[in-house]
C-alpha atoms as a PDB file:
ATOM      1  CA  MET A   1      -6.324  77.003 127.901  1.00  0.00           C
ATOM      2  CA  PRO A   2      -4.358  78.041 131.007  1.00  0.00           C
ATOM      3  CA  HIS A   3      -6.013  79.014 134.358  1.00  0.00           C
ATOM      4  CA  VAL A   4      -4.884  82.274 136.440  1.00  0.00           C
ATOM      5  CA  ASN A   5      -6.007  82.560 139.973  1.00  0.00           C
ATOM      6  CA  ILE A   6      -7.506  85.914 140.450  1.00  0.00           C
ATOM      7  CA  HIS A   7      -4.658  87.262 142.716  1.00  0.00           C
ATOM      8  CA  ALA A   8      -2.223  86.716 139.991  1.00  0.00           C
ATOM      9  CA  ALA A   9      -4.439  87.977 137.486  1.00  0.00           C
ATOM     10  CA  LYS A  10      -4.351  91.419 139.298  1.00  0.00           C
ATOM     11  CA  THR A  11      -0.759  91.263 139.968  1.00  0.00           C
ATOM     12  CA  ASN A  12       0.067  90.332 136.352  1.00  0.00           C
ATOM     13  CA  LEU A  13      -2.953  92.267 134.452  1.00  0.00           C
ATOM     14  CA  SER A  14      -1.040  94.100 131.887  1.00  0.00           C
ATOM     15  CA  ARG A  15       0.948  91.174 130.807  1.00  0.00           C
ATOM     16  CA  LEU A  16      -1.952  88.839 130.616  1.00  0.00           C
ATOM     17  CA  VAL A  17      -3.923  91.497 128.561  1.00  0.00           C
ATOM     18  CA  GLU A  18      -1.035  91.881 126.041  1.00  0.00           C
ATOM     19  CA  LYS A  19      -0.721  88.168 125.801  1.00  0.00           C
ATOM     20  CA  ALA A  20      -4.814  87.994 125.404  1.00  0.00           C
ATOM     21  CA  ALA A  21      -4.479  90.639 122.842  1.00  0.00           C
ATOM     22  CA  GLN A  22      -1.742  88.361 120.682  1.00  0.00           C
ATOM     23  CA  GLY A  23      -4.481  85.563 120.664  1.00  0.00           C
ATOM     24  CA  GLU A  24      -3.704  83.659 123.882  1.00  0.00           C
ATOM     25  CA  SER A  25      -6.818  83.364 125.658  1.00  0.00           C
ATOM     26  CA  PHE A  26      -6.897  82.336 129.266  1.00  0.00           C
ATOM     27  CA  VAL A  27      -9.584  81.742 132.314  1.00  0.00           C
ATOM     28  CA  ILE A  28      -9.383  83.630 135.665  1.00  0.00           C
ATOM     29  CA  ALA A  29     -10.380  81.393 138.364  1.00  0.00           C
ATOM     30  CA  LYS A  30     -11.309  81.965 141.964  1.00  0.00           C
ATOM     31  CA  ALA A  31     -10.586  79.093 144.613  1.00  0.00           C
ATOM     32  CA  GLY A  32      -9.834  76.995 141.674  1.00  0.00           C
ATOM     33  CA  LYS A  33     -13.057  77.680 140.130  1.00  0.00           C
ATOM     34  CA  PRO A  34     -13.088  79.201 136.619  1.00  0.00           C
ATOM     35  CA  MET A  35     -14.934  82.323 136.564  1.00  0.00           C
ATOM     36  CA  VAL A  36     -14.226  83.931 133.332  1.00  0.00           C
ATOM     37  CA  THR A  37     -12.448  83.497 130.066  1.00  0.00           C
ATOM     38  CA  VAL A  38     -10.354  86.617 128.625  1.00  0.00           C
ATOM     39  CA  SER A  39     -10.090  86.483 125.009  1.00  0.00           C
ATOM     40  CA  PRO A  40      -8.788  88.956 122.490  1.00  0.00           C
ATOM     41  CA  TYR A  41     -11.398  91.206 121.110  1.00  0.00           C
ATOM     42  CA  LYS A  42     -12.622  91.388 117.571  1.00  0.00           C
ATOM     43  CA  ALA A  43     -13.875  94.529 116.454  1.00  0.00           C
ATOM     44  CA  PRO A  44     -17.177  94.155 114.658  1.00  0.00           C
ATOM     45  CA  GLU A  45     -17.198  94.156 110.960  1.00  0.00           C
ATOM     46  CA  LYS A  46     -17.866  97.364 109.223  1.00  0.00           C
ATOM     47  CA  PRO A  47     -21.186  97.561 107.439  1.00  0.00           C
ATOM     48  CA  GLN A  48     -21.708  97.485 103.878  1.00  0.00           C
ATOM     49  CA  LYS A  49     -22.361 100.321 101.962  1.00  0.00           C
ATOM     50  CA  ARG A  50     -26.141 100.461 101.700  1.00  0.00           C
ATOM     51  CA  VAL A  51     -26.352 103.194  99.043  1.00  0.00           C
ATOM     52  CA  GLY A  52     -27.598 101.701  95.677  1.00  0.00           C
ATOM     53  CA  PHE A  53     -28.578  98.161  97.246  1.00  0.00           C
ATOM     54  CA  LEU A  54     -31.934  98.050  95.293  1.00  0.00           C
ATOM     55  CA  LYS A  55     -30.534  99.271  91.997  1.00  0.00           C
ATOM     56  CA  ASP A  56     -31.143  95.519  90.421  1.00  0.00           C
ATOM     57  CA  PHE A  57     -35.039  95.896  92.150  1.00  0.00           C
ATOM     58  CA  ILE A  58     -36.135  99.305  91.098  1.00  0.00           C
ATOM     59  CA  THR A  59     -36.282 101.037  88.115  1.00  0.00           C
ATOM     60  CA  ALA A  60     -37.376 104.878  87.403  1.00  0.00           C
ATOM     61  CA  SER A  61     -38.577 105.896  84.482  1.00  0.00           C
ATOM     62  CA  ASP A  62     -36.859 108.667  82.428  1.00  0.00           C
ATOM     63  CA  ASP A  63     -38.946 111.108  83.200  1.00  0.00           C
ATOM     64  CA  PHE A  64     -39.532 110.536  86.830  1.00  0.00           C
ATOM     65  CA  ASP A  65     -38.110 114.021  87.998  1.00  0.00           C
ATOM     66  CA  HIS A  66     -40.981 115.646  85.878  1.00  0.00           C
ATOM     67  CA  ILE A  67     -44.337 113.576  86.340  1.00  0.00           C
ATOM     68  CA  ALA A  68     -47.066 115.826  87.815  1.00  0.00           C
ATOM     69  CA  GLU A  69     -44.390 118.820  87.457  1.00  0.00           C
ATOM     70  CA  GLU A  70     -47.128 121.080  86.325  1.00  0.00           C
ATOM     71  CA  GLU A  71     -49.829 120.045  89.309  1.00  0.00           C
ATOM     72  CA  ILE A  72     -46.861 120.330  91.532  1.00  0.00           C
ATOM     73  CA  ALA A  73     -45.958 124.079  90.681  1.00  0.00           C
ATOM     74  CA  ALA A  74     -49.529 124.786  90.720  1.00  0.00           C
ATOM     75  CA  LEU A  75     -49.901 123.274  94.418  1.00  0.00           C
ATOM     76  CA  PHE A  76     -46.703 125.613  95.620  1.00  0.00           C
ATOM     77  CA  GLU A  77     -47.913 128.479  93.211  1.00  0.00           C
ATOM     78  CA  GLY A  78     -51.717 128.641  93.680  1.00  0.00           C
ATOM     79  CA  SER A  79     -53.755 127.829  90.663  1.00  0.00           C
ATOM     80  CA  PRO A  80     -54.168 129.887  88.181  1.00  0.00           C
END
């Protein structure tokens, strides 16, 4: 991995960034001592869609949306 001193890095920043973006990593050094590594940015992977991720683990009965329908209606409407 090539080393570039800090002054040269400031002078040629655009060119160096372009090279790094193309996959050519390099080290910026100060007085010959390596300080930082510049490498291409890797975007994080998009998270997988989570909708339906439990479909194989949870089941609901066919009348799930009607369970305790009368009791719930009575709570909202008042008991007769």
